């Protein structure tokens, strides 16, 4: 492929923004990134496949599982079975690639990869692992601040930089700022509000997400990973105390980053 054919616009669609369970028309974490003819699914939480269009969205699909908490990977089963069915119908030629942490937790990885009724390839990820989709480089880094090993994802080329933090706390904040530096978009966990007065180092407050975006000189911030029983407007208010260009990720509401 010629260089001029690269560097297309990138479209990001939230498929799920709640945790730890879906509610109403909102799902657990998942974001679909579309670039050229490729698709990258950042996490695969409960309910997100309701917003995927089968079999079209299975073509050229890459799935990234950030960690082995069920609210981030439970819909992988639906993708496994869908891939198996559509491949047998002759409607899916290329295997779906699934990138997932090398180190298992509570046998969740074993359960995922042992399902033989699927048309998937599994690729282990470790700290610093990277690969390319066209000219888009995808890099993983263990955020070292969640309750289990959890990988942030960076997607970048010479025109764009997108960060997906997955579940993250504040105990490794300086490294997080470095990883996010100059991002066009940070998709950041913001489970907590100030009122909880939490000293948790394993989940982020919306206010902390705003500080991160400001200190990383980011262009835009998307909050996600909301508590299902909380008013999302409260998260936005607290993040906007320190960073103005912030939105709450909303299922189905696309963002197009133009080169």
C-alpha atoms as a PDB file:
ATOM      1  CA  UNK A   1       0.000   0.000   0.000  1.00  0.00           C
ATOM      2  CA  UNK A   2       1.347   3.414  -0.914  1.00  0.00           C
ATOM      3  CA  UNK A   3       1.996   6.003   1.798  1.00  0.00           C
ATOM      4  CA  UNK A   4      -0.656   8.306   0.346  1.00  0.00           C
ATOM      5  CA  UNK A   5      -3.250   5.631   1.033  1.00  0.00           C
ATOM      6  CA  UNK A   6      -2.484   5.761   4.764  1.00  0.00           C
ATOM      7  CA  UNK A   7      -3.425   8.460   7.233  1.00  0.00           C
ATOM      8  CA  UNK A   8      -7.159   8.297   6.740  1.00  0.00           C
ATOM      9  CA  UNK A   9      -9.554   9.730   9.295  1.00  0.00           C
ATOM     10  CA  UNK A  10     -10.060   7.730  12.467  1.00  0.00           C
ATOM     11  CA  UNK A  11     -13.560   7.078  13.799  1.00  0.00           C
ATOM     12  CA  UNK A  12     -14.104   6.114  17.448  1.00  0.00           C
ATOM     13  CA  UNK A  13     -17.486   4.817  18.578  1.00  0.00           C
ATOM     14  CA  UNK A  14     -18.278   4.109  22.240  1.00  0.00           C
ATOM     15  CA  UNK A  15     -20.070   0.782  22.590  1.00  0.00           C
ATOM     16  CA  UNK A  16     -20.058   0.619  26.376  1.00  0.00           C
ATOM     17  CA  UNK A  17     -19.335   3.133  29.131  1.00  0.00           C
ATOM     18  CA  UNK A  18     -20.599   1.653  32.418  1.00  0.00           C
ATOM     19  CA  UNK A  19     -19.049  -0.578  35.041  1.00  0.00           C
ATOM     20  CA  UNK A  20     -19.371  -3.074  36.649  1.00  0.00           C
ATOM     21  CA  UNK A  21     -22.695  -3.975  35.001  1.00  0.00           C
ATOM     22  CA  UNK A  22     -24.808  -2.726  32.067  1.00  0.00           C
ATOM     23  CA  UNK A  23     -28.056  -0.869  32.628  1.00  0.00           C
ATOM     24  CA  UNK A  24     -30.829   0.104  30.207  1.00  0.00           C
ATOM     25  CA  UNK A  25     -29.309   0.939  26.834  1.00  0.00           C
ATOM     26  CA  UNK A  26     -25.804   1.320  28.272  1.00  0.00           C
ATOM     27  CA  UNK A  27     -23.185  -1.409  28.284  1.00  0.00           C
ATOM     28  CA  UNK A  28     -19.930  -2.273  29.998  1.00  0.00           C
ATOM     29  CA  UNK A  29     -16.643  -0.973  28.522  1.00  0.00           C
ATOM     30  CA  UNK A  30     -15.942  -1.144  24.806  1.00  0.00           C
ATOM     31  CA  UNK A  31     -14.788   1.276  22.085  1.00  0.00           C
ATOM     32  CA  UNK A  32     -14.684   0.575  18.353  1.00  0.00           C
ATOM     33  CA  UNK A  33     -11.886   2.289  16.421  1.00  0.00           C
ATOM     34  CA  UNK A  34     -12.144   2.293  12.622  1.00  0.00           C
ATOM     35  CA  UNK A  35      -9.129   3.119  10.480  1.00  0.00           C
ATOM     36  CA  UNK A  36      -8.937   2.502   6.739  1.00  0.00           C
ATOM     37  CA  UNK A  37     -10.711  -0.848   6.410  1.00  0.00           C
ATOM     38  CA  UNK A  38      -9.607  -2.057   9.829  1.00  0.00           C
ATOM     39  CA  UNK A  39     -11.440  -2.198  13.133  1.00  0.00           C
ATOM     40  CA  UNK A  40      -9.983  -2.261  16.631  1.00  0.00           C
ATOM     41  CA  UNK A  41     -12.221  -3.120  19.558  1.00  0.00           C
ATOM     42  CA  UNK A  42     -10.854  -1.760  22.825  1.00  0.00           C
ATOM     43  CA  UNK A  43     -12.313  -4.081  25.450  1.00  0.00           C
ATOM     44  CA  UNK A  44     -15.319  -6.297  25.057  1.00  0.00           C
ATOM     45  CA  UNK A  45     -17.606  -5.699  28.036  1.00  0.00           C
ATOM     46  CA  UNK A  46     -21.101  -6.940  28.765  1.00  0.00           C
ATOM     47  CA  UNK A  47     -23.604  -5.902  26.093  1.00  0.00           C
ATOM     48  CA  UNK A  48     -21.310  -4.222  23.558  1.00  0.00           C
ATOM     49  CA  UNK A  49     -22.065  -6.718  20.776  1.00  0.00           C
ATOM     50  CA  UNK A  50     -25.615  -5.309  20.660  1.00  0.00           C
ATOM     51  CA  UNK A  51     -24.077  -2.318  18.846  1.00  0.00           C
ATOM     52  CA  UNK A  52     -21.959  -4.324  16.426  1.00  0.00           C
ATOM     53  CA  UNK A  53     -23.250  -5.149  12.958  1.00  0.00           C
ATOM     54  CA  UNK A  54     -22.631  -8.842  12.224  1.00  0.00           C
ATOM     55  CA  UNK A  55     -21.095 -10.105  10.021  1.00  0.00           C
ATOM     56  CA  UNK A  56     -19.716  -6.847   8.580  1.00  0.00           C
ATOM     57  CA  UNK A  57     -18.020  -5.705  11.783  1.00  0.00           C
ATOM     58  CA  UNK A  58     -16.241  -9.038  12.114  1.00  0.00           C
ATOM     59  CA  UNK A  59     -14.232  -8.399   8.940  1.00  0.00           C
ATOM     60  CA  UNK A  60     -10.705  -7.081   9.646  1.00  0.00           C
ATOM     61  CA  UNK A  61     -11.499  -6.964  13.353  1.00  0.00           C
ATOM     62  CA  UNK A  62      -8.838  -6.826  16.061  1.00  0.00           C
ATOM     63  CA  UNK A  63      -9.972  -7.231  19.662  1.00  0.00           C
ATOM     64  CA  UNK A  64      -7.960  -5.941  22.613  1.00  0.00           C
ATOM     65  CA  UNK A  65      -8.712  -7.162  26.128  1.00  0.00           C
ATOM     66  CA  UNK A  66      -7.065  -4.851  28.640  1.00  0.00           C
ATOM     67  CA  UNK A  67      -7.379  -7.137  31.672  1.00  0.00           C
ATOM     68  CA  UNK A  68      -9.238 -10.123  33.055  1.00  0.00           C
ATOM     69  CA  UNK A  69     -12.092  -8.472  34.934  1.00  0.00           C
ATOM     70  CA  UNK A  70     -15.345  -9.767  33.496  1.00  0.00           C
ATOM     71  CA  UNK A  71     -16.907  -6.357  32.844  1.00  0.00           C
ATOM     72  CA  UNK A  72     -14.143  -5.855  30.249  1.00  0.00           C
ATOM     73  CA  UNK A  73     -14.240  -9.143  28.347  1.00  0.00           C
ATOM     74  CA  UNK A  74     -17.524 -10.994  28.930  1.00  0.00           C
ATOM     75  CA  UNK A  75     -18.877 -10.374  25.396  1.00  0.00           C
ATOM     76  CA  UNK A  76     -15.895 -12.128  23.822  1.00  0.00           C
ATOM     77  CA  UNK A  77     -18.052 -15.251  23.938  1.00  0.00           C
ATOM     78  CA  UNK A  78     -20.579 -13.690  21.568  1.00  0.00           C
ATOM     79  CA  UNK A  79     -17.785 -12.748  19.166  1.00  0.00           C
ATOM     80  CA  UNK A  80     -16.356 -16.257  19.366  1.00  0.00           C
ATOM     81  CA  UNK A  81     -19.643 -17.903  18.435  1.00  0.00           C
ATOM     82  CA  UNK A  82     -20.458 -15.299  15.772  1.00  0.00           C
ATOM     83  CA  UNK A  83     -17.050 -15.807  14.145  1.00  0.00           C
ATOM     84  CA  UNK A  84     -17.565 -19.572  14.146  1.00  0.00           C
ATOM     85  CA  UNK A  85     -21.024 -19.345  12.565  1.00  0.00           C
ATOM     86  CA  UNK A  86     -20.141 -16.774   9.890  1.00  0.00           C
ATOM     87  CA  UNK A  87     -16.922 -18.568   8.953  1.00  0.00           C
ATOM     88  CA  UNK A  88     -18.860 -21.798   8.443  1.00  0.00           C
ATOM     89  CA  UNK A  89     -21.396 -19.884   6.337  1.00  0.00           C
ATOM     90  CA  UNK A  90     -18.575 -18.626   4.131  1.00  0.00           C
ATOM     91  CA  UNK A  91     -19.054 -15.019   5.268  1.00  0.00           C
ATOM     92  CA  UNK A  92     -15.848 -14.612   7.302  1.00  0.00           C
ATOM     93  CA  UNK A  93     -12.558 -15.517   5.628  1.00  0.00           C
ATOM     94  CA  UNK A  94      -9.965 -13.898   7.889  1.00  0.00           C
ATOM     95  CA  UNK A  95      -9.530 -14.900  11.510  1.00  0.00           C
ATOM     96  CA  UNK A  96     -10.242 -12.269  14.146  1.00  0.00           C
ATOM     97  CA  UNK A  97      -7.133 -11.384  16.136  1.00  0.00           C
ATOM     98  CA  UNK A  98      -7.547 -11.124  19.892  1.00  0.00           C
ATOM     99  CA  UNK A  99      -4.784  -9.443  21.903  1.00  0.00           C
ATOM    100  CA  UNK A 100      -4.946 -10.341  25.572  1.00  0.00           C
ATOM    101  CA  UNK A 101      -2.661 -10.329  28.629  1.00  0.00           C
ATOM    102  CA  UNK A 102      -0.168 -13.173  28.698  1.00  0.00           C
ATOM    103  CA  UNK A 103      -0.571 -13.717  32.427  1.00  0.00           C
ATOM    104  CA  UNK A 104      -3.851 -15.363  33.380  1.00  0.00           C
ATOM    105  CA  UNK A 105      -6.059 -14.329  36.305  1.00  0.00           C
ATOM    106  CA  UNK A 106      -8.589 -16.655  37.968  1.00  0.00           C
ATOM    107  CA  UNK A 107      -8.426 -18.938  34.892  1.00  0.00           C
ATOM    108  CA  UNK A 108     -10.264 -16.350  32.774  1.00  0.00           C
ATOM    109  CA  UNK A 109      -7.712 -16.515  29.962  1.00  0.00           C
ATOM    110  CA  UNK A 110      -7.865 -20.299  29.956  1.00  0.00           C
ATOM    111  CA  UNK A 111     -11.657 -20.168  29.664  1.00  0.00           C
ATOM    112  CA  UNK A 112     -11.467 -17.756  26.732  1.00  0.00           C
ATOM    113  CA  UNK A 113      -8.882 -19.565  24.630  1.00  0.00           C
ATOM    114  CA  UNK A 114     -10.301 -23.041  25.319  1.00  0.00           C
ATOM    115  CA  UNK A 115     -13.499 -22.300  23.372  1.00  0.00           C
ATOM    116  CA  UNK A 116     -13.012 -24.230  20.128  1.00  0.00           C
ATOM    117  CA  UNK A 117     -16.220 -22.956  18.524  1.00  0.00           C
ATOM    118  CA  UNK A 118     -14.578 -19.793  17.289  1.00  0.00           C
ATOM    119  CA  UNK A 119     -12.544 -18.440  14.397  1.00  0.00           C
ATOM    120  CA  UNK A 120     -10.045 -16.385  16.357  1.00  0.00           C
ATOM    121  CA  UNK A 121      -6.280 -16.081  16.770  1.00  0.00           C
ATOM    122  CA  UNK A 122      -4.996 -15.218  20.252  1.00  0.00           C
ATOM    123  CA  UNK A 123      -1.882 -13.075  20.711  1.00  0.00           C
ATOM    124  CA  UNK A 124      -0.285 -12.569  24.118  1.00  0.00           C
ATOM    125  CA  UNK A 125       0.577  -9.032  25.183  1.00  0.00           C
ATOM    126  CA  UNK A 126       3.157  -7.930  27.718  1.00  0.00           C
ATOM    127  CA  UNK A 127       4.462  -4.578  28.878  1.00  0.00           C
ATOM    128  CA  UNK A 128       5.850  -2.657  25.888  1.00  0.00           C
ATOM    129  CA  UNK A 129       4.440  -5.008  23.255  1.00  0.00           C
ATOM    130  CA  UNK A 130       3.479  -3.244  20.008  1.00  0.00           C
ATOM    131  CA  UNK A 131       2.268  -4.037  16.492  1.00  0.00           C
ATOM    132  CA  UNK A 132       1.140  -2.150  13.396  1.00  0.00           C
ATOM    133  CA  UNK A 133      -2.129  -1.958  11.517  1.00  0.00           C
ATOM    134  CA  UNK A 134      -1.164  -0.173   8.310  1.00  0.00           C
ATOM    135  CA  UNK A 135       0.823   2.819   9.640  1.00  0.00           C
ATOM    136  CA  UNK A 136      -1.037   2.881  12.962  1.00  0.00           C
ATOM    137  CA  UNK A 137       1.171   1.680  15.804  1.00  0.00           C
ATOM    138  CA  UNK A 138      -0.554   0.057  18.768  1.00  0.00           C
ATOM    139  CA  UNK A 139       1.457  -0.084  22.003  1.00  0.00           C
ATOM    140  CA  UNK A 140       0.585  -1.582  25.388  1.00  0.00           C
ATOM    141  CA  UNK A 141       1.790  -0.509  28.794  1.00  0.00           C
ATOM    142  CA  UNK A 142       0.932  -1.986  32.173  1.00  0.00           C
ATOM    143  CA  UNK A 143      -0.492   0.927  34.145  1.00  0.00           C
ATOM    144  CA  UNK A 144       0.693  -0.640  37.426  1.00  0.00           C
ATOM    145  CA  UNK A 145      -2.139   0.953  39.354  1.00  0.00           C
ATOM    146  CA  UNK A 146      -5.134  -1.373  39.113  1.00  0.00           C
ATOM    147  CA  UNK A 147      -5.944  -4.403  41.247  1.00  0.00           C
ATOM    148  CA  UNK A 148      -4.606  -6.795  38.591  1.00  0.00           C
ATOM    149  CA  UNK A 149      -2.298  -6.438  35.595  1.00  0.00           C
ATOM    150  CA  UNK A 150      -4.044  -4.000  33.250  1.00  0.00           C
ATOM    151  CA  UNK A 151      -2.787  -2.637  29.950  1.00  0.00           C
ATOM    152  CA  UNK A 152      -3.267   0.866  28.617  1.00  0.00           C
ATOM    153  CA  UNK A 153      -3.383   1.115  24.828  1.00  0.00           C
ATOM    154  CA  UNK A 154      -1.789   3.795  22.663  1.00  0.00           C
ATOM    155  CA  UNK A 155      -2.760   4.119  19.000  1.00  0.00           C
ATOM    156  CA  UNK A 156      -0.596   6.522  17.038  1.00  0.00           C
ATOM    157  CA  UNK A 157       0.791   7.525  13.676  1.00  0.00           C
ATOM    158  CA  UNK A 158       2.235  10.822  12.492  1.00  0.00           C
ATOM    159  CA  UNK A 159      -1.202  12.470  12.574  1.00  0.00           C
ATOM    160  CA  UNK A 160      -2.991  11.018  15.615  1.00  0.00           C
ATOM    161  CA  UNK A 161      -2.429   9.786  19.135  1.00  0.00           C
ATOM    162  CA  UNK A 162      -5.270   8.093  21.015  1.00  0.00           C
ATOM    163  CA  UNK A 163      -4.991   6.698  24.540  1.00  0.00           C
ATOM    164  CA  UNK A 164      -7.310   4.193  26.164  1.00  0.00           C
ATOM    165  CA  UNK A 165      -6.441   3.910  29.843  1.00  0.00           C
ATOM    166  CA  UNK A 166      -8.707   0.972  30.765  1.00  0.00           C
ATOM    167  CA  UNK A 167      -9.088   0.650  34.552  1.00  0.00           C
ATOM    168  CA  UNK A 168      -6.530   2.846  36.220  1.00  0.00           C
ATOM    169  CA  UNK A 169      -5.692   4.583  39.469  1.00  0.00           C
ATOM    170  CA  UNK A 170      -3.410   7.407  40.501  1.00  0.00           C
ATOM    171  CA  UNK A 171      -0.541   5.520  42.143  1.00  0.00           C
ATOM    172  CA  UNK A 172       1.577   5.677  38.964  1.00  0.00           C
ATOM    173  CA  UNK A 173       0.447   9.105  37.831  1.00  0.00           C
ATOM    174  CA  UNK A 174       3.748  10.473  36.486  1.00  0.00           C
ATOM    175  CA  UNK A 175       4.215   7.504  34.156  1.00  0.00           C
ATOM    176  CA  UNK A 176       0.606   7.865  33.064  1.00  0.00           C
ATOM    177  CA  UNK A 177       1.193  11.520  32.155  1.00  0.00           C
ATOM    178  CA  UNK A 178       4.228  10.529  30.082  1.00  0.00           C
ATOM    179  CA  UNK A 179       2.277   7.807  28.261  1.00  0.00           C
ATOM    180  CA  UNK A 180      -0.562  10.216  27.438  1.00  0.00           C
ATOM    181  CA  UNK A 181       1.604  13.213  26.528  1.00  0.00           C
ATOM    182  CA  UNK A 182       0.288  15.151  23.531  1.00  0.00           C
ATOM    183  CA  UNK A 183      -2.688  12.868  22.930  1.00  0.00           C
ATOM    184  CA  UNK A 184      -5.422  14.004  20.572  1.00  0.00           C
ATOM    185  CA  UNK A 185      -7.873  11.996  22.662  1.00  0.00           C
ATOM    186  CA  UNK A 186      -7.639  10.328  26.062  1.00  0.00           C
ATOM    187  CA  UNK A 187     -10.394   7.822  26.828  1.00  0.00           C
ATOM    188  CA  UNK A 188     -10.060   7.710  30.583  1.00  0.00           C
ATOM    189  CA  UNK A 189     -11.654   5.760  33.366  1.00  0.00           C
ATOM    190  CA  UNK A 190     -13.488   8.039  35.791  1.00  0.00           C
ATOM    191  CA  UNK A 191     -15.336   5.744  38.153  1.00  0.00           C
ATOM    192  CA  UNK A 192     -15.247   8.024  41.160  1.00  0.00           C
ATOM    193  CA  UNK A 193     -16.505  11.430  42.237  1.00  0.00           C
ATOM    194  CA  UNK A 194     -15.056  13.703  44.881  1.00  0.00           C
ATOM    195  CA  UNK A 195     -17.892  12.923  47.258  1.00  0.00           C
ATOM    196  CA  UNK A 196     -16.587   9.427  47.776  1.00  0.00           C
ATOM    197  CA  UNK A 197     -13.500  10.973  49.362  1.00  0.00           C
ATOM    198  CA  UNK A 198     -11.671   7.873  48.256  1.00  0.00           C
ATOM    199  CA  UNK A 199      -7.976   7.305  48.655  1.00  0.00           C
ATOM    200  CA  UNK A 200      -8.249   4.457  46.180  1.00  0.00           C
ATOM    201  CA  UNK A 201      -5.184   4.115  43.997  1.00  0.00           C
ATOM    202  CA  UNK A 202      -6.886   1.542  41.773  1.00  0.00           C
ATOM    203  CA  UNK A 203      -9.649   3.663  40.185  1.00  0.00           C
ATOM    204  CA  UNK A 204      -9.701   7.227  38.899  1.00  0.00           C
ATOM    205  CA  UNK A 205     -11.863  10.194  39.868  1.00  0.00           C
ATOM    206  CA  UNK A 206     -13.263  12.369  37.101  1.00  0.00           C
ATOM    207  CA  UNK A 207     -11.353  15.276  38.637  1.00  0.00           C
ATOM    208  CA  UNK A 208      -8.102  13.292  38.392  1.00  0.00           C
ATOM    209  CA  UNK A 209      -8.875  12.497  34.751  1.00  0.00           C
ATOM    210  CA  UNK A 210      -9.136  16.231  34.125  1.00  0.00           C
ATOM    211  CA  UNK A 211      -5.770  16.809  35.787  1.00  0.00           C
ATOM    212  CA  UNK A 212      -4.261  14.058  33.655  1.00  0.00           C
ATOM    213  CA  UNK A 213      -5.551  15.599  30.421  1.00  0.00           C
ATOM    214  CA  UNK A 214      -4.257  19.029  31.445  1.00  0.00           C
ATOM    215  CA  UNK A 215      -0.797  17.848  32.502  1.00  0.00           C
ATOM    216  CA  UNK A 216      -0.465  15.643  29.417  1.00  0.00           C
ATOM    217  CA  UNK A 217      -1.373  18.580  27.144  1.00  0.00           C
ATOM    218  CA  UNK A 218      -4.136  16.530  25.589  1.00  0.00           C
ATOM    219  CA  UNK A 219      -6.514  18.031  23.046  1.00  0.00           C
ATOM    220  CA  UNK A 220      -9.615  16.192  24.194  1.00  0.00           C
ATOM    221  CA  UNK A 221     -10.808  13.987  27.055  1.00  0.00           C
ATOM    222  CA  UNK A 222     -13.527  11.365  27.059  1.00  0.00           C
ATOM    223  CA  UNK A 223     -14.692  10.146  30.450  1.00  0.00           C
ATOM    224  CA  UNK A 224     -15.921   6.568  30.742  1.00  0.00           C
ATOM    225  CA  UNK A 225     -16.344   3.633  33.147  1.00  0.00           C
ATOM    226  CA  UNK A 226     -19.216   5.314  34.987  1.00  0.00           C
ATOM    227  CA  UNK A 227     -20.973   3.883  38.020  1.00  0.00           C
ATOM    228  CA  UNK A 228     -24.409   2.826  36.643  1.00  0.00           C
ATOM    229  CA  UNK A 229     -26.386   4.479  39.467  1.00  0.00           C
ATOM    230  CA  UNK A 230     -24.676   7.880  39.180  1.00  0.00           C
ATOM    231  CA  UNK A 231     -25.591  10.974  37.145  1.00  0.00           C
ATOM    232  CA  UNK A 232     -22.988  11.309  34.385  1.00  0.00           C
ATOM    233  CA  UNK A 233     -23.306  15.097  34.444  1.00  0.00           C
ATOM    234  CA  UNK A 234     -21.606  15.108  37.840  1.00  0.00           C
ATOM    235  CA  UNK A 235     -18.506  13.486  36.367  1.00  0.00           C
ATOM    236  CA  UNK A 236     -18.352  16.137  33.650  1.00  0.00           C
ATOM    237  CA  UNK A 237     -18.696  18.993  36.127  1.00  0.00           C
ATOM    238  CA  UNK A 238     -15.786  17.762  38.228  1.00  0.00           C
ATOM    239  CA  UNK A 239     -13.468  17.106  35.282  1.00  0.00           C
ATOM    240  CA  UNK A 240     -14.256  20.538  33.810  1.00  0.00           C
ATOM    241  CA  UNK A 241     -12.946  22.198  36.956  1.00  0.00           C
ATOM    242  CA  UNK A 242      -9.453  21.614  35.541  1.00  0.00           C
ATOM    243  CA  UNK A 243      -9.895  20.740  31.835  1.00  0.00           C
ATOM    244  CA  UNK A 244     -12.441  22.311  29.511  1.00  0.00           C
ATOM    245  CA  UNK A 245     -12.541  20.085  26.418  1.00  0.00           C
ATOM    246  CA  UNK A 246     -14.153  17.071  28.059  1.00  0.00           C
ATOM    247  CA  UNK A 247     -17.147  14.919  27.177  1.00  0.00           C
ATOM    248  CA  UNK A 248     -18.775  11.860  28.613  1.00  0.00           C
ATOM    249  CA  UNK A 249     -18.476   8.955  26.219  1.00  0.00           C
ATOM    250  CA  UNK A 250     -21.939   7.943  25.045  1.00  0.00           C
ATOM    251  CA  UNK A 251     -22.938   4.666  23.415  1.00  0.00           C
ATOM    252  CA  UNK A 252     -23.203   5.037  19.649  1.00  0.00           C
ATOM    253  CA  UNK A 253     -22.024   8.676  19.526  1.00  0.00           C
ATOM    254  CA  UNK A 254     -19.127   8.703  17.062  1.00  0.00           C
ATOM    255  CA  UNK A 255     -16.099  10.957  17.037  1.00  0.00           C
ATOM    256  CA  UNK A 256     -14.162  11.439  13.806  1.00  0.00           C
ATOM    257  CA  UNK A 257     -10.564  12.620  14.099  1.00  0.00           C
ATOM    258  CA  UNK A 258      -9.505  14.188  10.821  1.00  0.00           C
ATOM    259  CA  UNK A 259      -5.907  14.358   9.693  1.00  0.00           C
END
